[in-house]
C-alpha atoms as a PDB file:
ATOM      1  CA  MET A   1     112.119 119.566  91.646  1.00  0.00           C
ATOM      2  CA  VAL A   2     111.520 117.237  94.450  1.00  0.00           C
ATOM      3  CA  VAL A   3     108.109 115.636  95.015  1.00  0.00           C
ATOM      4  CA  SER A   4     107.262 114.010  98.441  1.00  0.00           C
ATOM      5  CA  LEU A   5     104.689 111.255  98.403  1.00  0.00           C
ATOM      6  CA  GLY A   6     103.622 111.409 101.957  1.00  0.00           C
ATOM      7  CA  GLN A   7     105.309 110.434 105.226  1.00  0.00           C
ATOM      8  CA  GLY A   8     107.852 107.608 105.446  1.00  0.00           C
ATOM      9  CA  THR A   9     111.549 107.350 105.666  1.00  0.00           C
ATOM     10  CA  ALA A  10     114.052 107.174 102.831  1.00  0.00           C
ATOM     11  CA  ASN A  11     114.349 103.301 103.097  1.00  0.00           C
ATOM     12  CA  SER A  12     110.574 102.498 103.187  1.00  0.00           C
ATOM     13  CA  ALA A  13     108.874 101.507 100.063  1.00  0.00           C
ATOM     14  CA  PRO A  14     105.880 103.347  98.745  1.00  0.00           C
ATOM     15  CA  PRO A  15     102.214 102.038  99.626  1.00  0.00           C
ATOM     16  CA  PRO A  16     100.702  99.895  96.865  1.00  0.00           C
ATOM     17  CA  THR A  17      98.481 101.909  94.641  1.00  0.00           C
ATOM     18  CA  SER A  18      95.015 101.585  92.882  1.00  0.00           C
ATOM     19  CA  LEU A  19      94.482 102.842  89.385  1.00  0.00           C
ATOM     20  CA  ALA A  20      91.016 103.883  90.369  1.00  0.00           C
ATOM     21  CA  ASN A  21      92.376 106.818  92.715  1.00  0.00           C
ATOM     22  CA  LEU A  22      95.093 108.386  90.793  1.00  0.00           C
ATOM     23  CA  THR A  23      94.814 111.858  89.557  1.00  0.00           C
ATOM     24  CA  PRO A  24      97.129 113.706  86.944  1.00  0.00           C
ATOM     25  CA  ILE A  25      99.250 116.853  88.172  1.00  0.00           C
ATOM     26  CA  PRO A  26      99.705 119.459  85.524  1.00  0.00           C
ATOM     27  CA  THR A  27     103.197 120.371  84.771  1.00  0.00           C
ATOM     28  CA  SER A  28     105.151 123.029  82.748  1.00  0.00           C
ATOM     29  CA  THR A  29     105.523 122.902  78.950  1.00  0.00           C
ATOM     30  CA  LEU A  30     108.653 122.846  77.083  1.00  0.00           C
ATOM     31  CA  GLN A  31     109.749 124.961  74.411  1.00  0.00           C
ATOM     32  CA  VAL A  32     111.178 123.181  71.313  1.00  0.00           C
ATOM     33  CA  GLU A  33     112.147 125.139  68.100  1.00  0.00           C
ATOM     34  CA  GLY A  34     109.597 127.877  68.862  1.00  0.00           C
ATOM     35  CA  THR A  35     106.445 125.591  69.429  1.00  0.00           C
ATOM     36  CA  LEU A  36     105.178 124.699  72.834  1.00  0.00           C
ATOM     37  CA  GLN A  37     104.789 121.189  73.567  1.00  0.00           C
ATOM     38  CA  PRO A  38     103.097 119.763  76.634  1.00  0.00           C
ATOM     39  CA  SER A  39     104.949 117.260  78.706  1.00  0.00           C
ATOM     40  CA  PRO A  40     102.991 114.340  80.024  1.00  0.00           C
ATOM     41  CA  ALA A  41     101.525 114.835  83.426  1.00  0.00           C
ATOM     42  CA  PRO A  42     102.675 112.469  86.201  1.00  0.00           C
ATOM     43  CA  ILE A  43     100.037 110.446  88.133  1.00  0.00           C
ATOM     44  CA  ILE A  44     100.147 110.600  91.813  1.00  0.00           C
ATOM     45  CA  ASP A  45      98.048 108.619  94.091  1.00  0.00           C
ATOM     46  CA  THR A  46      95.941 110.883  96.419  1.00  0.00           C
ATOM     47  CA  ALA A  47      93.870 108.181  98.065  1.00  0.00           C
ATOM     48  CA  THR A  48      94.875 106.113 101.336  1.00  0.00           C
ATOM     49  CA  PRO A  49      95.557 102.642 100.294  1.00  0.00           C
ATOM     50  CA  SER A  50      93.520  99.924 101.860  1.00  0.00           C
ATOM     51  CA  PRO A  51      94.537  96.206 102.070  1.00  0.00           C
ATOM     52  CA  THR A  52      92.335  95.377  99.069  1.00  0.00           C
ATOM     53  CA  ASP A  53      93.816  97.614  96.813  1.00  0.00           C
ATOM     54  CA  THR A  54      96.948  95.222  96.182  1.00  0.00           C
ATOM     55  CA  LEU A  55      96.784  93.829  92.652  1.00  0.00           C
ATOM     56  CA  ALA A  56      97.032  90.060  92.495  1.00  0.00           C
ATOM     57  CA  PRO A  57      98.841  88.241  89.661  1.00  0.00           C
ATOM     58  CA  THR A  58      96.247  86.848  87.241  1.00  0.00           C
ATOM     59  CA  PRO A  59      97.273  83.097  86.192  1.00  0.00           C
ATOM     60  CA  VAL A  60      98.165  82.862  82.373  1.00  0.00           C
ATOM     61  CA  PRO A  61      97.291  79.462  80.750  1.00  0.00           C
ATOM     62  CA  LEU A  62     100.260  77.863  79.137  1.00  0.00           C
ATOM     63  CA  THR A  63      99.678  75.899  75.817  1.00  0.00           C
ATOM     64  CA  LEU A  64     102.233  74.088  74.124  1.00  0.00           C
ATOM     65  CA  GLU A  65     101.948  72.799  70.550  1.00  0.00           C
ATOM     66  CA  VAL A  66     104.490  71.220  68.578  1.00  0.00           C
ATOM     67  CA  THR A  67     104.266  70.918  64.853  1.00  0.00           C
ATOM     68  CA  LEU A  68     106.808  68.844  63.089  1.00  0.00           C
ATOM     69  CA  PRO A  69     107.516  69.666  59.431  1.00  0.00           C
ATOM     70  CA  PRO A  70     106.370  66.995  56.894  1.00  0.00           C
ATOM     71  CA  THR A  71     109.000  64.832  55.557  1.00  0.00           C
ATOM     72  CA  ASP A  72     109.186  62.782  52.314  1.00  0.00           C
ATOM     73  CA  ILE A  73     110.478  59.636  54.147  1.00  0.00           C
ATOM     74  CA  PRO A  74     107.761  57.485  55.804  1.00  0.00           C
ATOM     75  CA  THR A  75     108.016  56.399  59.459  1.00  0.00           C
ATOM     76  CA  VAL A  76     107.905  52.663  60.297  1.00  0.00           C
ATOM     77  CA  THR A  77     106.245  51.972  63.607  1.00  0.00           C
ATOM     78  CA  LEU A  78     106.512  48.418  65.130  1.00  0.00           C
ATOM     79  CA  THR A  79     103.937  47.203  67.453  1.00  0.00           C
ATOM     80  CA  PHE A  80     104.819  43.936  69.173  1.00  0.00           C
ATOM     81  CA  GLU A  81     101.906  41.784  70.368  1.00  0.00           C
ATOM     82  CA  PRO A  82     102.946  39.354  73.126  1.00  0.00           C
ATOM     83  CA  THR A  83     103.061  35.630  71.935  1.00  0.00           C
ATOM     84  CA  PRO A  84     100.255  33.709  73.400  1.00  0.00           C
ATOM     85  CA  VAL A  85     100.775  30.844  75.822  1.00  0.00           C
ATOM     86  CA  TYR A  86      98.710  27.695  75.044  1.00  0.00           C
ATOM     87  CA  ALA A  87      98.147  24.865  77.398  1.00  0.00           C
ATOM     88  CA  ARG A  88      96.469  21.407  77.104  1.00  0.00           C
ATOM     89  CA  VAL A  89      93.697  20.264  79.822  1.00  0.00           C
ATOM     90  CA  HIS A  90      95.016  17.030  81.478  1.00  0.00           C
ATOM     91  CA  SER A  91      92.298  15.425  83.533  1.00  0.00           C
ATOM     92  CA  SER A  92      90.494  11.992  82.910  1.00  0.00           C
ATOM     93  CA  LYS A  93      87.083  13.706  84.112  1.00  0.00           C
ATOM     94  CA  GLY A  94      87.434  16.883  82.592  1.00  0.00           C
ATOM     95  CA  VAL A  95      87.879  20.331  84.174  1.00  0.00           C
ATOM     96  CA  VAL A  96      85.377  23.003  85.191  1.00  0.00           C
ATOM     97  CA  LEU A  97      85.881  26.489  83.891  1.00  0.00           C
ATOM     98  CA  ARG A  98      84.750  28.985  86.465  1.00  0.00           C
ATOM     99  CA  ALA A  99      83.696  32.694  86.236  1.00  0.00           C
ATOM    100  CA  VAL A 100      85.739  33.462  89.081  1.00  0.00           C
ATOM    101  CA  PRO A 101      88.257  31.289  90.882  1.00  0.00           C
ATOM    102  CA  ALA A 102      86.281  28.807  93.175  1.00  0.00           C
ATOM    103  CA  GLY A 103      83.068  30.407  91.902  1.00  0.00           C
ATOM    104  CA  LYS A 104      80.144  29.593  89.731  1.00  0.00           C
ATOM    105  CA  ALA A 105      80.751  26.734  86.956  1.00  0.00           C
ATOM    106  CA  LEU A 106      80.399  28.110  83.243  1.00  0.00           C
ATOM    107  CA  THR A 107      81.272  24.858  81.623  1.00  0.00           C
ATOM    108  CA  THR A 108      83.302  21.706  81.499  1.00  0.00           C
ATOM    109  CA  LEU A 109      86.241  21.139  79.441  1.00  0.00           C
ATOM    110  CA  ASP A 110      87.158  17.857  78.174  1.00  0.00           C
ATOM    111  CA  ASP A 111      90.686  16.201  78.664  1.00  0.00           C
ATOM    112  CA  PHE A 112      93.135  17.439  76.002  1.00  0.00           C
ATOM    113  CA  SER A 113      91.130  20.449  75.289  1.00  0.00           C
ATOM    114  CA  ILE A 114      93.551  23.502  74.431  1.00  0.00           C
ATOM    115  CA  VAL A 115      93.256  26.982  76.152  1.00  0.00           C
ATOM    116  CA  GLU A 116      95.089  30.154  75.797  1.00  0.00           C
ATOM    117  CA  VAL A 117      96.623  31.047  79.375  1.00  0.00           C
ATOM    118  CA  LEU A 118      96.427  34.656  80.373  1.00  0.00           C
ATOM    119  CA  PRO A 119      99.175  36.232  82.504  1.00  0.00           C
ATOM    120  CA  ASP A 120      97.253  36.737  85.657  1.00  0.00           C
ATOM    121  CA  THR A 121      96.615  34.080  88.432  1.00  0.00           C
ATOM    122  CA  GLN A 122      94.744  34.062  91.774  1.00  0.00           C
ATOM    123  CA  VAL A 123      94.952  31.729  94.819  1.00  0.00           C
ATOM    124  CA  ALA A 124      91.566  30.779  96.056  1.00  0.00           C
ATOM    125  CA  ALA A 125      90.356  27.727  98.264  1.00  0.00           C
ATOM    126  CA  ASN A 126      93.912  26.548  98.703  1.00  0.00           C
ATOM    127  CA  TYR A 127      94.388  26.273  94.877  1.00  0.00           C
ATOM    128  CA  THR A 128      96.183  28.462  92.300  1.00  0.00           C
ATOM    129  CA  TRP A 129      93.867  29.364  89.580  1.00  0.00           C
ATOM    130  CA  ALA A 130      94.735  30.229  85.926  1.00  0.00           C
ATOM    131  CA  HIS A 131      92.966  32.783  84.069  1.00  0.00           C
ATOM    132  CA  VAL A 132      92.277  31.061  80.606  1.00  0.00           C
ATOM    133  CA  ILE A 133      90.194  31.579  77.363  1.00  0.00           C
ATOM    134  CA  ALA A 134      88.736  28.456  76.073  1.00  0.00           C
ATOM    135  CA  SER A 135      86.606  27.748  72.871  1.00  0.00           C
ATOM    136  CA  GLN A 136      83.774  25.368  73.025  1.00  0.00           C
ATOM    137  CA  ASN A 137      81.360  24.807  70.191  1.00  0.00           C
ATOM    138  CA  GLY A 138      82.775  27.862  68.498  1.00  0.00           C
ATOM    139  CA  VAL A 139      81.849  29.918  71.545  1.00  0.00           C
ATOM    140  CA  ARG A 140      84.877  31.850  73.068  1.00  0.00           C
ATOM    141  CA  LEU A 141      84.646  31.731  76.913  1.00  0.00           C
ATOM    142  CA  THR A 142      86.865  33.390  79.549  1.00  0.00           C
ATOM    143  CA  GLY A 143      87.217  31.814  82.914  1.00  0.00           C
ATOM    144  CA  TRP A 144      89.380  30.395  85.704  1.00  0.00           C
ATOM    145  CA  ILE A 145      90.904  26.650  85.954  1.00  0.00           C
ATOM    146  CA  VAL A 146      92.850  25.185  88.695  1.00  0.00           C
ATOM    147  CA  ASP A 147      96.435  25.522  87.215  1.00  0.00           C
ATOM    148  CA  LEU A 148      97.228  21.675  88.341  1.00  0.00           C
ATOM    149  CA  TYR A 149      95.124  20.494  85.364  1.00  0.00           C
ATOM    150  CA  LEU A 150      97.099  22.353  82.759  1.00  0.00           C
ATOM    151  CA  GLU A 151     100.122  21.272  80.679  1.00  0.00           C
ATOM    152  CA  THR A 152     102.373  23.401  78.869  1.00  0.00           C
ATOM    153  CA  PRO A 153     104.942  22.573  76.419  1.00  0.00           C
ATOM    154  CA  THR A 154     108.435  22.369  77.862  1.00  0.00           C
ATOM    155  CA  PRO A 155     111.589  21.712  75.923  1.00  0.00           C
ATOM    156  CA  ALA A 156     113.655  18.728  76.816  1.00  0.00           C
ATOM    157  CA  PRO A 157     116.570  19.524  78.647  1.00  0.00           C
ATOM    158  CA  ASN A 158     119.876  19.653  76.826  1.00  0.00           C
ATOM    159  CA  SER A 159     117.865  19.453  73.568  1.00  0.00           C
ATOM    160  CA  GLN A 160     119.702  20.481  70.385  1.00  0.00           C
ATOM    161  CA  PRO A 161     118.213  22.397  67.499  1.00  0.00           C
ATOM    162  CA  LEU A 162     117.444  20.477  64.340  1.00  0.00           C
ATOM    163  CA  ALA A 163     120.186  20.744  61.751  1.00  0.00           C
ATOM    164  CA  LEU A 164     118.928  22.666  58.871  1.00  0.00           C
ATOM    165  CA  PRO A 165     120.327  22.495  55.369  1.00  0.00           C
ATOM    166  CA  THR A 166     122.785  24.943  54.176  1.00  0.00           C
ATOM    167  CA  ILE A 167     121.921  26.628  50.799  1.00  0.00           C
ATOM    168  CA  THR A 168     124.997  27.573  48.717  1.00  0.00           C
ATOM    169  CA  VAL A 169     125.165  29.630  45.452  1.00  0.00           C
ATOM    170  CA  THR A 170     127.620  28.660  42.905  1.00  0.00           C
ATOM    171  CA  SER A 171     128.106  30.185  39.486  1.00  0.00           C
ATOM    172  CA  THR A 172     128.582  28.264  36.405  1.00  0.00           C
ATOM    173  CA  PRO A 173     131.496  29.133  34.210  1.00  0.00           C
END
């Protein structure tokens, strides 16, 4: 039995179908061991397809979840904190700690005050400014100082480490 689905050539693809316009076509029954069994009816599109009848794919959300099995061995996680850099204020008159480079003064730090130097610097008013944290009268202040007034410790050239005593363990007979 040959079924024709409308006009077209042997090489043309069938038009897109819409499930709303499909109607079943009755077919013959088969006889199996003396009992009649109905065969499923094929569905043939009887409507003329329109451009809006095409089915668009629906995006499916993808969720990935990884669950590791528990172990009896604890995991050690190391977190390294950067080593702070400290400097000493060096100015006979003291140094002004400012809110922003070349900005409003917060306080004046005395000569030989110790500050923690943060990694960022800025150039303003023809000076390089260092971002620092200072402590004055128990109050922690963050601000900017001209870096010319800061001294950081530098090892002497060609210095040798101190000789440390060697510990040996001996057993007595």
